[in-house]
Amino acid sequence: MSQQDVLHQAFELGYTYTRSTGPVVGRFLTELKKRRIVGIRASDGRVVVPPMEYDPDTAEALSEFVEVGQEGEIVSFAWVKTPRDAHPMDQPFAWAMIRLDGADVPMIHCVAAETEAAVGTGARVKAVWADDPVGYITDIRCFELL
């Protein structure tokens, strides 16, 4: 087979569709726009934040929303000494697993802190809201230490 016999076709890989957030994630984002945080009750009674559509143990659909607090406790964290362009903050900060008051499963978000030494497991934090919430996870700008 010669090079002349090979067929060529230009191809561009792209995702030409959009996905709706659905009733569970959509409700979570709608509540963030109102400066409220909700989780969902799993079949074993645990409150999961952010909410998920299906129970991780039974695969049953979940629908019982629970408003949780805007304060919580750091369960674990990683310090970011040199933030990159894609990070949510331009000064050093912590990624933390935060168990909000009323929730059983921690969520991951960023924590503003002056130094790494100021952050620790068990430290209390509170949500800092964006000036104009729009229904994205970034409506919680960050958490700050209490």
C-alpha atoms as a PDB file:
ATOM      1  CA  MET A   1       0.000   0.000   0.000  1.00  0.00           C
ATOM      2  CA  SER A   2       1.431   3.334  -0.981  1.00  0.00           C
ATOM      3  CA  GLN A   3       1.131   6.567   0.967  1.00  0.00           C
ATOM      4  CA  GLN A   4      -1.279   7.710  -1.762  1.00  0.00           C
ATOM      5  CA  ASP A   5      -3.723   4.916  -0.885  1.00  0.00           C
ATOM      6  CA  VAL A   6      -4.042   5.864   2.817  1.00  0.00           C
ATOM      7  CA  LEU A   7      -7.248   7.728   3.654  1.00  0.00           C
ATOM      8  CA  HIS A   8      -6.978  10.841   5.834  1.00  0.00           C
ATOM      9  CA  GLN A   9      -9.702  12.695   7.699  1.00  0.00           C
ATOM     10  CA  ALA A  10      -9.344  15.698   9.976  1.00  0.00           C
ATOM     11  CA  PHE A  11     -10.618  14.914  13.459  1.00  0.00           C
ATOM     12  CA  GLU A  12     -11.175  17.096  16.468  1.00  0.00           C
ATOM     13  CA  LEU A  13     -11.980  15.497  19.818  1.00  0.00           C
ATOM     14  CA  GLY A  14     -14.611  17.496  21.646  1.00  0.00           C
ATOM     15  CA  TYR A  15     -17.512  17.129  24.008  1.00  0.00           C
ATOM     16  CA  THR A  16     -20.410  18.859  22.339  1.00  0.00           C
ATOM     17  CA  TYR A  17     -22.955  18.289  25.067  1.00  0.00           C
ATOM     18  CA  THR A  18     -23.830  19.766  28.411  1.00  0.00           C
ATOM     19  CA  ARG A  19     -24.896  17.896  31.506  1.00  0.00           C
ATOM     20  CA  SER A  20     -27.507  19.110  33.929  1.00  0.00           C
ATOM     21  CA  THR A  21     -26.668  18.974  37.606  1.00  0.00           C
ATOM     22  CA  GLY A  22     -29.751  16.911  38.401  1.00  0.00           C
ATOM     23  CA  PRO A  23     -32.048  17.220  41.417  1.00  0.00           C
ATOM     24  CA  VAL A  24     -29.477  16.457  44.137  1.00  0.00           C
ATOM     25  CA  VAL A  25     -26.390  18.413  43.066  1.00  0.00           C
ATOM     26  CA  GLY A  26     -28.699  21.079  41.628  1.00  0.00           C
ATOM     27  CA  ARG A  27     -30.350  21.532  45.029  1.00  0.00           C
ATOM     28  CA  PHE A  28     -26.930  21.720  46.719  1.00  0.00           C
ATOM     29  CA  LEU A  29     -25.774  24.457  44.318  1.00  0.00           C
ATOM     30  CA  THR A  30     -29.088  26.340  44.596  1.00  0.00           C
ATOM     31  CA  GLU A  31     -28.747  26.361  48.382  1.00  0.00           C
ATOM     32  CA  LEU A  32     -25.150  27.626  48.111  1.00  0.00           C
ATOM     33  CA  LYS A  33     -26.481  30.557  46.091  1.00  0.00           C
ATOM     34  CA  LYS A  34     -28.689  31.316  49.126  1.00  0.00           C
ATOM     35  CA  ARG A  35     -25.637  30.956  51.419  1.00  0.00           C
ATOM     36  CA  ARG A  36     -26.891  27.706  52.930  1.00  0.00           C
ATOM     37  CA  ILE A  37     -25.148  24.331  52.966  1.00  0.00           C
ATOM     38  CA  VAL A  38     -27.119  21.105  52.658  1.00  0.00           C
ATOM     39  CA  GLY A  39     -26.205  17.473  52.812  1.00  0.00           C
ATOM     40  CA  ILE A  40     -28.246  14.345  52.293  1.00  0.00           C
ATOM     41  CA  ARG A  41     -29.104  11.539  54.698  1.00  0.00           C
ATOM     42  CA  ALA A  42     -27.744   8.121  53.703  1.00  0.00           C
ATOM     43  CA  SER A  43     -29.550   4.853  54.460  1.00  0.00           C
ATOM     44  CA  ASP A  44     -27.488   4.373  57.653  1.00  0.00           C
ATOM     45  CA  GLY A  45     -28.431   7.852  58.924  1.00  0.00           C
ATOM     46  CA  ARG A  46     -25.127   9.573  58.143  1.00  0.00           C
ATOM     47  CA  VAL A  47     -25.335  13.060  56.633  1.00  0.00           C
ATOM     48  CA  VAL A  48     -23.127  13.390  53.549  1.00  0.00           C
ATOM     49  CA  VAL A  49     -21.882  16.793  52.311  1.00  0.00           C
ATOM     50  CA  PRO A  50     -21.837  17.525  49.450  1.00  0.00           C
ATOM     51  CA  PRO A  51     -24.909  15.388  48.833  1.00  0.00           C
ATOM     52  CA  MET A  52     -24.800  12.394  46.507  1.00  0.00           C
ATOM     53  CA  GLU A  53     -27.606  10.933  44.436  1.00  0.00           C
ATOM     54  CA  TYR A  54     -27.189   7.307  45.510  1.00  0.00           C
ATOM     55  CA  ASP A  55     -26.314   5.627  48.769  1.00  0.00           C
ATOM     56  CA  PRO A  56     -22.704   4.365  48.664  1.00  0.00           C
ATOM     57  CA  ASP A  57     -23.631   1.134  50.505  1.00  0.00           C
ATOM     58  CA  THR A  58     -27.064   0.198  49.129  1.00  0.00           C
ATOM     59  CA  ALA A  59     -27.160   2.106  45.796  1.00  0.00           C
ATOM     60  CA  GLU A  60     -30.668   3.335  46.645  1.00  0.00           C
ATOM     61  CA  ALA A  61     -31.652   6.826  45.526  1.00  0.00           C
ATOM     62  CA  LEU A  62     -31.284   9.431  48.282  1.00  0.00           C
ATOM     63  CA  SER A  63     -33.681  12.337  48.770  1.00  0.00           C
ATOM     64  CA  GLU A  64     -33.723  13.522  52.415  1.00  0.00           C
ATOM     65  CA  PHE A  65     -31.856  16.842  52.423  1.00  0.00           C
ATOM     66  CA  VAL A  66     -30.441  18.150  55.701  1.00  0.00           C
ATOM     67  CA  GLU A  67     -29.211  21.690  56.294  1.00  0.00           C
ATOM     68  CA  VAL A  68     -25.860  21.627  58.069  1.00  0.00           C
ATOM     69  CA  GLY A  69     -23.866  24.300  59.827  1.00  0.00           C
ATOM     70  CA  GLN A  70     -21.481  26.787  58.257  1.00  0.00           C
ATOM     71  CA  GLU A  71     -18.864  25.965  60.850  1.00  0.00           C
ATOM     72  CA  GLY A  72     -17.015  22.730  61.315  1.00  0.00           C
ATOM     73  CA  GLU A  73     -13.846  20.924  62.311  1.00  0.00           C
ATOM     74  CA  ILE A  74     -10.760  20.125  60.276  1.00  0.00           C
ATOM     75  CA  VAL A  75     -10.350  16.349  60.103  1.00  0.00           C
ATOM     76  CA  SER A  76      -7.220  16.365  57.942  1.00  0.00           C
ATOM     77  CA  PHE A  77      -5.320  18.893  55.845  1.00  0.00           C
ATOM     78  CA  ALA A  78      -2.475  19.475  53.406  1.00  0.00           C
ATOM     79  CA  TRP A  79      -0.601  22.776  53.323  1.00  0.00           C
ATOM     80  CA  VAL A  80      -0.017  24.452  49.951  1.00  0.00           C
ATOM     81  CA  LYS A  81       3.139  26.513  50.338  1.00  0.00           C
ATOM     82  CA  THR A  82       3.309  27.750  46.734  1.00  0.00           C
ATOM     83  CA  PRO A  83      -0.125  28.075  45.115  1.00  0.00           C
ATOM     84  CA  ARG A  84      -0.416  27.569  41.372  1.00  0.00           C
ATOM     85  CA  ASP A  85      -2.553  29.560  38.943  1.00  0.00           C
ATOM     86  CA  ALA A  86      -5.353  26.966  39.109  1.00  0.00           C
ATOM     87  CA  HIS A  87      -5.593  27.127  42.904  1.00  0.00           C
ATOM     88  CA  PRO A  88      -8.419  29.063  44.573  1.00  0.00           C
ATOM     89  CA  MET A  89      -6.068  31.326  46.531  1.00  0.00           C
ATOM     90  CA  ASP A  90      -2.920  33.196  45.546  1.00  0.00           C
ATOM     91  CA  GLN A  91      -1.283  33.021  48.985  1.00  0.00           C
ATOM     92  CA  PRO A  92      -0.352  29.861  50.938  1.00  0.00           C
ATOM     93  CA  PHE A  93      -3.423  27.967  52.179  1.00  0.00           C
ATOM     94  CA  ALA A  94      -4.589  24.516  53.261  1.00  0.00           C
ATOM     95  CA  TRP A  95      -6.741  21.981  51.465  1.00  0.00           C
ATOM     96  CA  ALA A  96      -8.746  20.455  54.280  1.00  0.00           C
ATOM     97  CA  MET A  97     -11.301  17.789  54.950  1.00  0.00           C
ATOM     98  CA  ILE A  98     -13.899  19.665  56.987  1.00  0.00           C
ATOM     99  CA  ARG A  99     -16.681  17.960  58.935  1.00  0.00           C
ATOM    100  CA  LEU A 100     -19.373  20.598  59.112  1.00  0.00           C
ATOM    101  CA  ASP A 101     -21.591  20.772  62.195  1.00  0.00           C
ATOM    102  CA  GLY A 102     -24.488  18.384  61.563  1.00  0.00           C
ATOM    103  CA  ALA A 103     -22.597  16.378  58.923  1.00  0.00           C
ATOM    104  CA  ASP A 104     -20.957  12.990  59.373  1.00  0.00           C
ATOM    105  CA  VAL A 105     -18.856  12.884  56.221  1.00  0.00           C
ATOM    106  CA  PRO A 106     -16.263  15.645  55.700  1.00  0.00           C
ATOM    107  CA  MET A 107     -16.044  17.741  52.555  1.00  0.00           C
ATOM    108  CA  ILE A 108     -12.889  19.108  50.952  1.00  0.00           C
ATOM    109  CA  HIS A 109     -12.402  22.861  50.666  1.00  0.00           C
ATOM    110  CA  CYS A 110      -9.658  25.430  51.101  1.00  0.00           C
ATOM    111  CA  VAL A 111      -8.800  27.088  54.398  1.00  0.00           C
ATOM    112  CA  ALA A 112      -7.243  30.539  54.599  1.00  0.00           C
ATOM    113  CA  ALA A 113      -4.558  30.711  57.280  1.00  0.00           C
ATOM    114  CA  GLU A 114      -1.566  32.906  57.993  1.00  0.00           C
ATOM    115  CA  THR A 115       0.790  29.969  58.528  1.00  0.00           C
ATOM    116  CA  GLU A 116       0.848  26.191  58.358  1.00  0.00           C
ATOM    117  CA  ALA A 117       1.345  26.118  62.130  1.00  0.00           C
ATOM    118  CA  ALA A 118      -2.018  27.845  62.584  1.00  0.00           C
ATOM    119  CA  VAL A 119      -3.859  24.935  60.926  1.00  0.00           C
ATOM    120  CA  GLY A 120      -4.381  21.642  62.708  1.00  0.00           C
ATOM    121  CA  THR A 121      -6.580  18.617  63.048  1.00  0.00           C
ATOM    122  CA  GLY A 122      -9.483  19.544  65.287  1.00  0.00           C
ATOM    123  CA  ALA A 123      -9.267  23.273  64.483  1.00  0.00           C
ATOM    124  CA  ARG A 124     -12.621  24.992  64.068  1.00  0.00           C
ATOM    125  CA  VAL A 125     -13.410  26.853  60.836  1.00  0.00           C
ATOM    126  CA  LYS A 126     -16.292  28.806  59.327  1.00  0.00           C
ATOM    127  CA  ALA A 127     -17.402  29.404  55.749  1.00  0.00           C
ATOM    128  CA  VAL A 128     -16.515  32.687  54.043  1.00  0.00           C
ATOM    129  CA  TRP A 129     -18.996  33.470  51.291  1.00  0.00           C
ATOM    130  CA  ALA A 130     -18.396  35.080  47.921  1.00  0.00           C
ATOM    131  CA  ASP A 131     -19.805  38.586  47.606  1.00  0.00           C
ATOM    132  CA  ASP A 132     -22.234  37.549  44.853  1.00  0.00           C
ATOM    133  CA  PRO A 133     -23.088  33.826  45.058  1.00  0.00           C
ATOM    134  CA  VAL A 134     -24.056  32.285  41.716  1.00  0.00           C
ATOM    135  CA  GLY A 135     -24.671  28.609  42.522  1.00  0.00           C
ATOM    136  CA  TYR A 136     -21.130  27.141  42.298  1.00  0.00           C
ATOM    137  CA  ILE A 137     -18.976  25.475  44.936  1.00  0.00           C
ATOM    138  CA  THR A 138     -16.851  28.631  44.772  1.00  0.00           C
ATOM    139  CA  ASP A 139     -19.749  30.484  46.426  1.00  0.00           C
ATOM    140  CA  ILE A 140     -17.916  29.314  49.539  1.00  0.00           C
ATOM    141  CA  ARG A 141     -14.803  31.381  48.854  1.00  0.00           C
ATOM    142  CA  CYS A 142     -12.898  29.535  51.557  1.00  0.00           C
ATOM    143  CA  PHE A 143     -13.075  28.603  55.214  1.00  0.00           C
ATOM    144  CA  GLU A 144     -11.271  30.593  57.886  1.00  0.00           C
ATOM    145  CA  LEU A 145     -10.077  29.611  61.325  1.00  0.00           C
ATOM    146  CA  LEU A 146     -12.208  30.590  64.322  1.00  0.00           C
END
